Protein backbone atom coordinates (compact mmCIF):
# COMPACT_ATOMS: atom_id res chain seq x y z
CA MET A 1 83.47 203.44 15.88
CA LYS A 2 82.85 203.60 19.33
CA GLY A 3 79.31 203.88 21.13
CA SER A 4 78.92 207.70 21.55
CA GLU A 5 80.87 208.04 17.55
CA HIS A 6 77.61 206.06 16.69
CA ARG A 7 75.08 208.47 18.56
CA VAL A 8 76.96 211.36 16.95
CA LEU A 9 76.51 209.72 13.93
CA ALA A 10 73.01 209.36 15.09
CA SER A 11 71.70 212.90 15.49
CA ILE A 12 74.01 213.96 12.71
CA LEU A 13 71.92 211.01 10.27
CA THR A 14 68.16 212.46 12.26
CA VAL A 15 68.89 216.55 11.27
CA ALA A 16 70.28 215.27 8.16
CA ILE A 17 66.60 213.04 7.54
CA GLY A 18 64.63 216.12 8.84
CA LEU A 19 66.28 218.80 6.32
CA VAL A 20 65.00 215.98 3.97
CA ALA A 21 61.40 215.68 5.05
CA ALA A 22 60.84 219.57 4.52
CA MET A 23 61.44 218.54 0.49
CA GLY A 24 59.91 215.31 0.88
CA SER A 25 58.32 213.44 3.11
CA VAL A 26 59.12 210.38 5.65
CA ALA A 27 58.21 207.45 7.92
CA VAL A 28 59.39 205.08 10.08
CA GLU A 29 57.78 201.73 10.45
CA ALA A 30 60.02 199.05 12.59
CA ALA A 31 59.20 195.02 12.42
CA ASP A 32 58.13 193.19 15.92
CA GLY A 33 61.41 192.40 17.17
CA VAL A 34 63.25 194.32 14.93
CA ASP A 35 65.69 197.25 16.70
CA LEU A 36 65.68 199.29 13.45
CA ASP A 37 64.91 202.83 12.39
CA LEU A 38 64.10 202.76 8.45
CA PHE A 39 63.68 206.37 6.89
CA VAL A 40 62.73 206.98 3.20
CA SER A 41 61.82 210.14 1.66
CA THR A 42 61.87 211.39 -1.49
CA ASP A 43 63.18 214.57 -3.36
CA ALA A 44 59.92 216.37 -3.73
CA MET A 45 56.57 216.06 -2.43
CA VAL A 46 55.10 216.74 -5.85
CA TYR A 47 55.78 215.77 -8.96
CA ALA A 48 55.04 216.12 -12.96
CA PRO A 49 54.86 212.94 -15.33
CA GLY A 50 57.79 212.75 -16.56
CA ASP A 51 59.68 213.40 -13.73
CA LEU A 52 62.30 211.64 -12.00
CA VAL A 53 61.44 210.70 -8.88
CA SER A 54 64.60 210.37 -6.20
CA ILE A 55 64.38 207.74 -3.19
CA ASP A 56 66.59 208.20 -0.46
CA VAL A 57 66.41 205.94 2.27
CA GLN A 58 68.77 205.54 5.93
CA ALA A 59 69.12 202.39 7.93
CA ILE A 60 70.06 203.33 11.63
CA PHE A 61 69.66 200.54 14.50
CA SER A 62 68.90 201.84 17.92
CA ASP A 63 72.13 201.66 19.35
CA GLY A 64 73.16 205.03 16.37
CA SER A 65 74.69 202.29 14.16
CA PRO A 66 73.68 202.45 10.64
CA VAL A 67 72.98 199.29 8.57
CA ALA A 68 76.32 198.02 7.66
CA SER A 69 75.85 194.33 5.65
CA PRO A 70 71.97 194.25 4.48
CA GLY A 71 70.26 191.46 3.03
CA ARG A 72 67.44 191.96 0.33
CA SER A 73 66.07 194.91 -0.08
CA SER A 74 63.06 196.16 -2.46
CA VAL A 75 61.62 199.35 -3.54
CA THR A 76 58.06 199.61 -4.87
CA ILE A 77 56.02 202.40 -6.43
CA THR A 78 52.33 202.44 -7.06
CA ASP A 79 49.99 204.72 -8.65
CA SER A 80 46.73 206.40 -7.39
CA ASN A 81 44.99 203.77 -8.43
CA ASP A 82 47.06 201.02 -6.85
CA LYS A 83 48.43 199.65 -9.72
CA ARG A 84 52.48 198.41 -9.33
CA GLN A 85 54.52 200.83 -11.42
CA PHE A 86 58.05 199.97 -10.12
CA ARG A 87 59.73 197.70 -8.32
CA SER A 88 63.71 197.52 -7.79
CA GLU A 89 66.43 196.59 -5.36
CA LEU A 90 67.51 199.70 -3.48
CA ASP A 91 71.55 200.41 -4.31
CA PHE A 92 73.37 199.81 -0.91
CA ASN A 93 75.33 203.44 -0.68
CA GLY A 94 77.26 201.97 2.58
CA ASN A 95 76.80 203.51 5.79
CA GLY A 96 73.08 202.97 6.11
CA VAL A 97 72.19 204.95 3.23
CA PHE A 98 70.33 203.62 0.46
CA SER A 99 68.84 204.71 -2.93
CA SER A 100 67.03 204.43 -6.35
CA ALA A 101 64.79 205.96 -8.36
CA TYR A 102 62.22 206.28 -11.18
CA THR A 103 61.23 208.36 -13.87
CA LEU A 104 57.11 208.86 -14.15
CA GLY A 105 55.55 208.25 -17.28
CA PRO A 106 54.58 211.17 -19.94
CA SER A 107 51.18 210.15 -19.29
CA ALA A 108 51.56 209.23 -15.31
CA ARG A 109 48.21 209.30 -13.44
CA GLU A 110 47.42 212.48 -11.31
CA GLY A 111 47.11 211.30 -7.40
CA THR A 112 48.95 210.41 -4.93
CA TRP A 113 51.71 207.55 -5.30
CA GLN A 114 52.71 205.30 -2.72
CA VAL A 115 56.68 204.57 -2.27
CA LYS A 116 57.35 201.32 -0.27
CA VAL A 117 60.37 200.19 0.82
CA ARG A 118 61.32 196.73 2.69
CA LEU A 119 64.82 195.87 4.31
CA ASP A 120 65.72 192.22 5.20
CA VAL A 121 68.29 192.91 8.30
CA GLY A 122 69.13 189.32 8.64
CA GLY A 123 67.63 186.77 10.62
CA GLY A 124 64.57 186.67 8.78
CA ASP A 125 63.48 189.71 10.04
CA ARG A 126 62.24 192.58 7.59
CA THR A 127 61.14 196.41 7.71
CA THR A 128 59.33 197.94 6.01
CA ALA A 129 58.83 202.45 5.66
CA THR A 130 55.90 203.64 3.19
CA THR A 131 55.98 207.43 1.80
CA ALA A 132 53.97 209.09 -0.39
CA PHE A 133 54.05 211.41 -3.16
CA GLN A 134 51.91 213.99 -5.41
CA VAL A 135 51.32 213.66 -9.07
CA SER A 136 50.01 216.84 -10.97
CA ASP A 137 50.15 218.40 -14.32
CA ASP A 138 50.14 221.81 -12.28
CA PRO A 139 52.94 220.71 -9.74
CA THR A 140 53.87 224.20 -8.91
CA GLY A 141 50.24 225.24 -8.76
CA CYS A 142 47.16 223.58 -7.24
CA ALA A 143 48.32 220.25 -6.24
CA ASP A 144 47.17 218.71 -3.19
CA ALA A 145 50.08 219.62 -1.59
CA ASP A 146 49.41 217.77 2.13
CA LEU A 147 48.06 214.63 -0.11
CA ASP A 148 44.86 214.45 1.95
CA GLY A 149 42.81 214.29 -1.25
CA TYR A 150 41.65 217.91 -1.59
CA GLU A 151 43.31 220.81 -4.16
CA ASP A 152 44.36 223.62 -2.36
CA ALA A 153 41.61 226.18 -0.96
CA ALA A 154 43.59 228.99 -2.96
CA CYS A 155 42.50 227.23 -6.04
CA GLY A 156 39.03 226.90 -5.48
CA GLY A 157 39.35 223.56 -4.07
CA ASP A 158 38.10 222.63 -0.09
CA ASP A 159 41.12 221.92 1.38
CA CYS A 160 42.00 222.74 4.96
């Protein structure tokens, strides 16, 4: 692809990631010296125990080109007590796109869970991105949708 095609692709991916972010959440954190944007999102912000959590990752270099041949990758999910519940390699779907999925157990602990993604882009450089989601027995009702630790005011909580 030519440079202009990479920029168009990066723009399209940015819009798509923004749309996904409306359903889940996104975080970007580039390691020092790594010229890479790493986006991670979940397909929802609130899940009930037993739900499937789908994780999508996009890796794009600053010139707009997607990661074509990644090194090692991993996704780790920790519960609200910071106890690791899941760890796996990401599935590489090509063109800078990665994915993974995890099914919450039927007695998954309520609270804020963390997703941490690591991607080795070669030469020993690793980039990390994180996001969070909420586990609630009432995912459509009074969950802490903004993940600040306070229940929604409409349900008697003191959330803003």
